[in-house]
């Protein structure tokens, strides 16, 4: 796995490109007129994307009918020397369709406990929790 990062303006705008030629823009979002996401926002996006792929994949294999899928991630950061790493994240999944809520909750559990490489990478230092909503209702254990 390899990415390249190229500076594309005179400030802090970078284009990150993978081996397939797909790219995202990173920028210093504390500056006015930022045209990309911050590197820390991209970490939260990676958690949402990785776990989202897992959840959708698991539910599709179980023949669940997903008509809409969204995720929200909120991260809490703490000062450590001059850096501000994440202390915790809460991931919320919002699924719509003909979906068994228990299967959605189990798929989310499997993602975070077994499959999601991004959350597993962060796991030693970042507490990641999740909530699942199916057709507007929060799924409880």
N, C-alpha and C. Protein backbone atom coordinates (compact mmCIF):
# COMPACT_ATOMS: atom_id res chain seq x y z
N UNK A 1 0.86 -1.17 0.00
CA UNK A 1 0.00 0.00 0.00
C UNK A 1 0.90 1.23 0.00
N UNK A 2 0.53 2.19 -0.84
CA UNK A 2 1.33 3.40 -0.96
C UNK A 2 0.44 4.55 -1.40
N UNK A 3 0.69 5.74 -0.85
CA UNK A 3 0.03 6.96 -1.31
C UNK A 3 1.12 7.99 -1.62
N UNK A 4 0.76 9.00 -2.40
CA UNK A 4 1.67 10.13 -2.60
C UNK A 4 0.95 11.39 -2.15
N UNK A 5 1.71 12.34 -1.66
CA UNK A 5 1.17 13.62 -1.23
C UNK A 5 1.90 14.70 -2.01
N UNK A 6 1.14 15.59 -2.65
CA UNK A 6 1.72 16.70 -3.41
C UNK A 6 1.12 18.01 -2.95
N UNK A 7 1.97 18.98 -2.70
CA UNK A 7 1.52 20.32 -2.35
C UNK A 7 1.01 20.98 -3.64
N UNK A 8 -0.21 21.54 -3.58
CA UNK A 8 -0.77 22.07 -4.82
C UNK A 8 -1.06 23.58 -4.78
N UNK A 9 -0.66 24.25 -3.70
CA UNK A 9 -0.72 25.72 -3.69
C UNK A 9 0.44 26.24 -2.85
N UNK A 10 0.47 27.56 -2.63
CA UNK A 10 1.57 28.15 -1.87
C UNK A 10 1.36 28.07 -0.37
N UNK A 11 0.24 27.50 0.06
CA UNK A 11 -0.04 27.40 1.48
C UNK A 11 0.00 25.94 1.93
N UNK A 12 -1.14 25.44 2.41
CA UNK A 12 -1.17 24.13 3.05
C UNK A 12 -2.04 23.10 2.35
N UNK A 13 -2.43 23.36 1.12
CA UNK A 13 -3.31 22.45 0.40
C UNK A 13 -2.49 21.33 -0.24
N UNK A 14 -2.85 20.10 0.11
CA UNK A 14 -2.15 18.92 -0.41
C UNK A 14 -3.16 17.99 -1.08
N UNK A 15 -2.72 17.33 -2.12
CA UNK A 15 -3.52 16.28 -2.74
C UNK A 15 -2.85 14.95 -2.43
N UNK A 16 -3.62 14.05 -1.82
CA UNK A 16 -3.13 12.70 -1.50
C UNK A 16 -3.77 11.75 -2.51
N UNK A 17 -2.92 10.96 -3.16
CA UNK A 17 -3.40 10.07 -4.22
C UNK A 17 -2.94 8.65 -3.95
N UNK A 18 -3.87 7.69 -4.16
CA UNK A 18 -3.51 6.28 -3.96
C UNK A 18 -3.01 5.67 -5.27
N UNK A 19 -2.67 4.41 -5.22
CA UNK A 19 -2.09 3.73 -6.39
C UNK A 19 -3.07 3.65 -7.55
N UNK A 20 -4.39 3.71 -7.28
CA UNK A 20 -5.39 3.66 -8.35
C UNK A 20 -5.68 5.03 -8.95
N UNK A 21 -5.05 6.08 -8.40
CA UNK A 21 -5.25 7.42 -8.92
C UNK A 21 -6.39 8.19 -8.26
N UNK A 22 -7.00 7.65 -7.22
CA UNK A 22 -8.06 8.34 -6.49
C UNK A 22 -7.43 9.27 -5.46
N UNK A 23 -8.05 10.44 -5.24
CA UNK A 23 -7.40 11.40 -4.36
C UNK A 23 -8.38 12.11 -3.43
N UNK A 24 -7.81 12.68 -2.38
CA UNK A 24 -8.52 13.57 -1.46
C UNK A 24 -7.64 14.79 -1.24
N UNK A 25 -8.26 15.89 -0.83
CA UNK A 25 -7.52 17.10 -0.52
C UNK A 25 -7.42 17.27 0.98
N UNK A 26 -6.21 17.55 1.45
CA UNK A 26 -5.97 17.88 2.85
C UNK A 26 -5.55 19.33 2.93
N UNK A 27 -5.97 20.00 3.99
CA UNK A 27 -5.65 21.42 4.14
C UNK A 27 -5.57 21.77 5.61
N UNK A 28 -5.04 22.94 5.89
CA UNK A 28 -5.03 23.48 7.25
C UNK A 28 -6.36 24.18 7.44
N UNK A 29 -7.31 23.50 8.08
CA UNK A 29 -8.66 24.04 8.19
C UNK A 29 -8.76 25.18 9.20
N UNK A 30 -7.69 25.49 9.90
CA UNK A 30 -7.73 26.66 10.79
C UNK A 30 -7.50 27.95 10.01
N UNK A 31 -7.15 27.84 8.74
CA UNK A 31 -6.94 29.00 7.88
C UNK A 31 -8.22 29.29 7.10
N UNK A 32 -8.53 30.57 6.88
CA UNK A 32 -9.73 30.90 6.09
C UNK A 32 -9.60 30.37 4.66
N UNK A 33 -10.72 29.92 4.10
CA UNK A 33 -10.72 29.48 2.72
C UNK A 33 -10.14 28.10 2.47
N UNK A 34 -10.05 27.28 3.51
CA UNK A 34 -9.50 25.93 3.34
C UNK A 34 -10.30 25.17 2.28
N UNK A 35 -9.60 24.42 1.45
CA UNK A 35 -10.24 23.70 0.35
C UNK A 35 -10.21 22.19 0.54
N UNK A 36 -9.75 21.74 1.66
CA UNK A 36 -9.70 20.31 1.93
C UNK A 36 -10.08 20.03 3.37
N UNK A 37 -9.98 18.78 3.75
CA UNK A 37 -10.25 18.39 5.13
C UNK A 37 -8.93 18.40 5.91
N UNK A 38 -9.04 18.52 7.22
CA UNK A 38 -7.83 18.47 8.04
C UNK A 38 -7.36 17.02 8.14
N UNK A 39 -6.08 16.81 8.40
CA UNK A 39 -5.60 15.44 8.58
C UNK A 39 -6.36 14.69 9.69
N UNK A 40 -6.71 15.38 10.77
CA UNK A 40 -7.44 14.71 11.85
C UNK A 40 -8.87 14.38 11.43
N UNK A 41 -9.49 15.24 10.63
CA UNK A 41 -10.81 14.91 10.08
C UNK A 41 -10.71 13.69 9.17
N UNK A 42 -9.60 13.59 8.44
CA UNK A 42 -9.45 12.44 7.54
C UNK A 42 -9.32 11.13 8.33
N UNK A 43 -8.76 11.21 9.54
CA UNK A 43 -8.70 10.01 10.38
C UNK A 43 -10.11 9.58 10.77
N UNK A 44 -10.95 10.54 11.16
CA UNK A 44 -12.34 10.21 11.50
C UNK A 44 -13.08 9.67 10.28
N UNK A 45 -12.82 10.25 9.11
CA UNK A 45 -13.44 9.75 7.88
C UNK A 45 -13.00 8.32 7.59
N UNK A 46 -11.74 8.03 7.87
CA UNK A 46 -11.23 6.67 7.63
C UNK A 46 -11.91 5.67 8.55
N UNK A 47 -12.15 6.03 9.80
CA UNK A 47 -12.87 5.14 10.72
C UNK A 47 -14.28 4.90 10.20
N UNK A 48 -14.97 5.97 9.81
CA UNK A 48 -16.34 5.84 9.30
C UNK A 48 -16.38 5.00 8.03
N UNK A 49 -15.45 5.23 7.13
CA UNK A 49 -15.42 4.49 5.88
C UNK A 49 -15.09 3.03 6.05
N UNK A 50 -14.09 2.75 6.86
CA UNK A 50 -13.67 1.37 7.10
C UNK A 50 -14.79 0.57 7.76
N UNK A 51 -15.34 1.10 8.82
CA UNK A 51 -16.41 0.38 9.52
C UNK A 51 -17.68 0.35 8.68
N UNK A 52 -17.94 1.41 7.92
CA UNK A 52 -19.11 1.42 7.05
C UNK A 52 -19.04 0.32 6.00
N UNK A 53 -17.87 0.14 5.40
CA UNK A 53 -17.69 -0.94 4.43
C UNK A 53 -17.97 -2.29 5.08
N UNK A 54 -17.45 -2.47 6.30
CA UNK A 54 -17.68 -3.73 7.02
C UNK A 54 -19.17 -3.96 7.25
N UNK A 55 -19.85 -2.97 7.81
CA UNK A 55 -21.25 -3.12 8.19
C UNK A 55 -22.11 -3.42 6.96
N UNK A 56 -21.92 -2.64 5.89
CA UNK A 56 -22.70 -2.87 4.68
C UNK A 56 -22.41 -4.25 4.10
N UNK A 57 -21.14 -4.63 4.08
CA UNK A 57 -20.76 -5.94 3.54
C UNK A 57 -21.41 -7.09 4.32
N UNK A 58 -21.34 -7.00 5.64
CA UNK A 58 -21.92 -8.05 6.49
C UNK A 58 -23.43 -8.13 6.28
N UNK A 59 -24.10 -6.98 6.28
CA UNK A 59 -25.55 -6.97 6.13
C UNK A 59 -25.99 -7.43 4.74
N UNK A 60 -25.23 -7.10 3.71
CA UNK A 60 -25.56 -7.57 2.36
C UNK A 60 -25.46 -9.09 2.28
N UNK A 61 -24.43 -9.65 2.93
CA UNK A 61 -24.29 -11.11 2.95
C UNK A 61 -25.46 -11.78 3.67
N UNK A 62 -26.06 -11.05 4.60
CA UNK A 62 -27.22 -11.56 5.32
C UNK A 62 -28.53 -11.20 4.62
N UNK A 63 -28.43 -10.69 3.41
CA UNK A 63 -29.58 -10.34 2.58
C UNK A 63 -30.49 -9.27 3.22
N UNK A 64 -29.89 -8.36 3.95
CA UNK A 64 -30.63 -7.24 4.50
C UNK A 64 -30.74 -6.16 3.42
N UNK A 65 -31.87 -5.49 3.34
CA UNK A 65 -32.10 -4.49 2.30
C UNK A 65 -31.81 -3.09 2.85
N UNK A 66 -30.65 -2.56 2.51
CA UNK A 66 -30.23 -1.24 2.98
C UNK A 66 -30.60 -0.22 1.91
N UNK A 67 -31.50 0.71 2.26
CA UNK A 67 -31.86 1.75 1.30
C UNK A 67 -31.09 3.04 1.54
N UNK A 68 -30.53 3.19 2.73
CA UNK A 68 -29.72 4.38 3.03
C UNK A 68 -28.78 4.04 4.18
N UNK A 69 -27.57 4.58 4.12
CA UNK A 69 -26.58 4.36 5.17
C UNK A 69 -25.81 5.66 5.34
N UNK A 70 -25.73 6.10 6.58
CA UNK A 70 -24.94 7.29 6.93
C UNK A 70 -24.19 6.99 8.21
N UNK A 71 -23.10 7.71 8.40
CA UNK A 71 -22.36 7.60 9.65
C UNK A 71 -21.93 9.00 10.08
N UNK A 72 -21.87 9.20 11.37
CA UNK A 72 -21.33 10.42 11.96
C UNK A 72 -20.26 9.99 12.95
N UNK A 73 -19.17 10.74 12.99
CA UNK A 73 -18.11 10.45 13.96
C UNK A 73 -17.79 11.75 14.69
N UNK A 74 -17.77 11.66 16.01
CA UNK A 74 -17.33 12.78 16.83
C UNK A 74 -16.09 12.34 17.58
N UNK A 75 -15.07 13.17 17.55
CA UNK A 75 -13.83 12.84 18.22
C UNK A 75 -13.48 13.84 19.29
N UNK A 76 -12.96 13.33 20.39
CA UNK A 76 -12.46 14.17 21.48
C UNK A 76 -10.94 14.11 21.46
N UNK A 77 -10.32 15.29 21.47
CA UNK A 77 -8.86 15.35 21.45
C UNK A 77 -8.36 15.93 22.77
N UNK A 78 -7.13 15.52 23.13
CA UNK A 78 -6.52 16.01 24.37
C UNK A 78 -5.10 16.49 24.08
N UNK A 79 -4.66 17.51 24.80
CA UNK A 79 -3.28 17.97 24.59
C UNK A 79 -2.27 16.97 25.16
N UNK A 80 -1.27 16.64 24.35
CA UNK A 80 -0.15 15.81 24.78
C UNK A 80 1.10 16.50 24.23
N UNK A 81 1.84 17.15 25.11
CA UNK A 81 2.96 17.98 24.69
C UNK A 81 2.44 19.02 23.70
N UNK A 82 2.97 19.08 22.50
CA UNK A 82 2.53 20.06 21.51
C UNK A 82 1.48 19.51 20.55
N UNK A 83 1.13 18.26 20.69
CA UNK A 83 0.15 17.63 19.80
C UNK A 83 -1.22 17.55 20.49
N UNK A 84 -2.24 17.21 19.71
CA UNK A 84 -3.59 17.00 20.25
C UNK A 84 -4.17 15.73 19.64
N UNK A 85 -3.72 14.56 20.09
CA UNK A 85 -4.25 13.30 19.55
C UNK A 85 -5.67 13.04 20.04
N UNK A 86 -6.31 12.11 19.35
CA UNK A 86 -7.64 11.71 19.79
C UNK A 86 -7.55 10.93 21.08
N UNK A 87 -8.50 11.21 21.98
CA UNK A 87 -8.68 10.43 23.21
C UNK A 87 -9.78 9.41 22.98
N UNK A 88 -10.85 9.85 22.28
CA UNK A 88 -11.99 8.96 22.05
C UNK A 88 -12.73 9.39 20.79
N UNK A 89 -13.53 8.45 20.29
CA UNK A 89 -14.42 8.72 19.17
C UNK A 89 -15.74 7.98 19.43
N UNK A 90 -16.83 8.60 18.97
CA UNK A 90 -18.13 7.95 18.97
C UNK A 90 -18.59 7.90 17.52
N UNK A 91 -18.89 6.71 17.06
CA UNK A 91 -19.37 6.50 15.70
C UNK A 91 -20.86 6.18 15.78
N UNK A 92 -21.65 6.90 15.00
CA UNK A 92 -23.09 6.63 14.95
C UNK A 92 -23.44 6.21 13.53
N UNK A 93 -24.08 5.04 13.42
CA UNK A 93 -24.55 4.54 12.14
C UNK A 93 -26.05 4.76 12.03
N UNK A 94 -26.48 5.25 10.89
CA UNK A 94 -27.90 5.48 10.62
C UNK A 94 -28.25 4.66 9.37
N UNK A 95 -29.02 3.60 9.58
CA UNK A 95 -29.41 2.71 8.49
C UNK A 95 -30.90 2.80 8.25
N UNK A 96 -31.29 2.73 6.99
CA UNK A 96 -32.69 2.70 6.61
C UNK A 96 -32.91 1.48 5.73
N UNK A 97 -34.10 0.90 5.82
CA UNK A 97 -34.45 -0.21 4.96
C UNK A 97 -35.07 -1.36 5.73
N UNK A 98 -35.20 -2.48 5.05
CA UNK A 98 -35.74 -3.69 5.66
C UNK A 98 -34.57 -4.42 6.32
N UNK A 99 -34.25 -3.98 7.54
CA UNK A 99 -33.04 -4.43 8.24
C UNK A 99 -33.42 -4.91 9.63
N UNK A 100 -32.95 -6.09 9.99
CA UNK A 100 -33.13 -6.59 11.35
C UNK A 100 -32.20 -5.79 12.27
N UNK A 101 -32.74 -5.05 13.23
CA UNK A 101 -31.90 -4.23 14.09
C UNK A 101 -30.80 -5.02 14.81
N UNK A 102 -31.11 -6.24 15.24
CA UNK A 102 -30.10 -7.05 15.93
C UNK A 102 -28.95 -7.39 15.00
N UNK A 103 -29.25 -7.64 13.73
CA UNK A 103 -28.19 -7.93 12.76
C UNK A 103 -27.34 -6.69 12.51
N UNK A 104 -27.95 -5.52 12.49
CA UNK A 104 -27.21 -4.27 12.30
C UNK A 104 -26.27 -4.03 13.47
N UNK A 105 -26.76 -4.26 14.67
CA UNK A 105 -25.93 -4.09 15.86
C UNK A 105 -24.78 -5.09 15.86
N UNK A 106 -25.06 -6.34 15.52
CA UNK A 106 -24.02 -7.38 15.48
C UNK A 106 -22.97 -7.07 14.41
N UNK A 107 -23.42 -6.57 13.25
CA UNK A 107 -22.48 -6.21 12.18
C UNK A 107 -21.54 -5.10 12.65
N UNK A 108 -22.09 -4.14 13.38
CA UNK A 108 -21.27 -3.04 13.91
C UNK A 108 -20.27 -3.55 14.93
N UNK A 109 -20.73 -4.43 15.80
CA UNK A 109 -19.86 -5.04 16.80
C UNK A 109 -18.71 -5.79 16.13
N UNK A 110 -19.02 -6.58 15.11
CA UNK A 110 -17.99 -7.33 14.39
C UNK A 110 -16.98 -6.40 13.73
N UNK A 111 -17.47 -5.31 13.18
CA UNK A 111 -16.57 -4.36 12.54
C UNK A 111 -15.54 -3.84 13.54
N UNK A 112 -16.01 -3.32 14.66
CA UNK A 112 -15.09 -2.69 15.61
C UNK A 112 -14.26 -3.70 16.40
N UNK A 113 -14.79 -4.87 16.65
CA UNK A 113 -14.05 -5.84 17.45
C UNK A 113 -13.18 -6.77 16.63
N UNK A 114 -13.44 -6.86 15.30
CA UNK A 114 -12.72 -7.86 14.52
C UNK A 114 -12.15 -7.36 13.20
N UNK A 115 -12.93 -6.61 12.42
CA UNK A 115 -12.57 -6.37 11.04
C UNK A 115 -11.95 -5.01 10.69
N UNK A 116 -12.38 -3.93 11.30
CA UNK A 116 -11.97 -2.59 10.86
C UNK A 116 -10.50 -2.31 11.20
N UNK A 117 -9.68 -2.33 10.19
CA UNK A 117 -8.23 -2.12 10.38
C UNK A 117 -7.92 -0.72 10.90
N UNK A 118 -8.70 0.26 10.49
CA UNK A 118 -8.44 1.63 10.95
C UNK A 118 -8.69 1.75 12.45
N UNK A 119 -9.84 1.27 12.91
CA UNK A 119 -10.11 1.36 14.35
C UNK A 119 -9.15 0.48 15.15
N UNK A 120 -8.76 -0.66 14.58
CA UNK A 120 -7.78 -1.52 15.26
C UNK A 120 -6.43 -0.82 15.37
N UNK A 121 -6.07 -0.02 14.38
CA UNK A 121 -4.81 0.73 14.43
C UNK A 121 -4.86 1.78 15.53
N UNK A 122 -6.01 2.42 15.71
CA UNK A 122 -6.16 3.46 16.72
C UNK A 122 -6.41 2.91 18.12
N UNK A 123 -6.93 1.69 18.18
CA UNK A 123 -7.42 1.08 19.41
C UNK A 123 -6.49 1.19 20.63
N UNK A 124 -5.21 1.00 20.50
CA UNK A 124 -4.40 1.07 21.72
C UNK A 124 -4.45 2.43 22.43
N UNK A 125 -4.75 3.50 21.67
CA UNK A 125 -4.71 4.84 22.25
C UNK A 125 -6.03 5.60 22.23
N UNK A 126 -6.98 5.13 21.43
CA UNK A 126 -8.24 5.85 21.25
C UNK A 126 -9.40 4.92 21.60
N UNK A 127 -10.24 5.37 22.52
CA UNK A 127 -11.43 4.60 22.87
C UNK A 127 -12.51 4.88 21.83
N UNK A 128 -12.91 3.84 21.11
CA UNK A 128 -13.93 4.02 20.07
C UNK A 128 -15.20 3.28 20.48
N UNK A 129 -16.29 4.03 20.53
CA UNK A 129 -17.59 3.43 20.83
C UNK A 129 -18.52 3.70 19.64
N UNK A 130 -19.65 3.02 19.64
CA UNK A 130 -20.56 3.17 18.50
C UNK A 130 -22.00 3.05 18.95
N UNK A 131 -22.87 3.64 18.14
CA UNK A 131 -24.32 3.57 18.32
C UNK A 131 -24.92 3.23 16.97
N UNK A 132 -26.02 2.49 16.99
CA UNK A 132 -26.67 2.06 15.75
C UNK A 132 -28.13 2.49 15.78
N UNK A 133 -28.58 3.10 14.68
CA UNK A 133 -29.96 3.51 14.54
C UNK A 133 -30.51 2.86 13.27
N UNK A 134 -31.63 2.17 13.39
CA UNK A 134 -32.27 1.55 12.23
C UNK A 134 -33.66 2.17 12.08
N UNK A 135 -33.90 2.74 10.92
CA UNK A 135 -35.18 3.39 10.61
C UNK A 135 -35.56 4.40 11.70
N UNK A 136 -34.57 5.16 12.16
CA UNK A 136 -34.79 6.22 13.14
C UNK A 136 -34.82 5.79 14.59
N UNK A 137 -34.72 4.49 14.87
CA UNK A 137 -34.76 4.00 16.24
C UNK A 137 -33.39 3.51 16.68
N UNK A 138 -32.97 3.94 17.87
CA UNK A 138 -31.70 3.48 18.41
C UNK A 138 -31.82 2.00 18.79
N UNK A 139 -30.83 1.22 18.38
CA UNK A 139 -30.83 -0.20 18.68
C UNK A 139 -30.12 -0.40 20.01
N UNK A 140 -30.78 -1.02 20.95
CA UNK A 140 -30.21 -1.28 22.28
C UNK A 140 -29.81 -2.74 22.38
N UNK A 141 -28.85 -2.99 23.25
CA UNK A 141 -28.41 -4.38 23.48
C UNK A 141 -29.51 -5.23 24.04
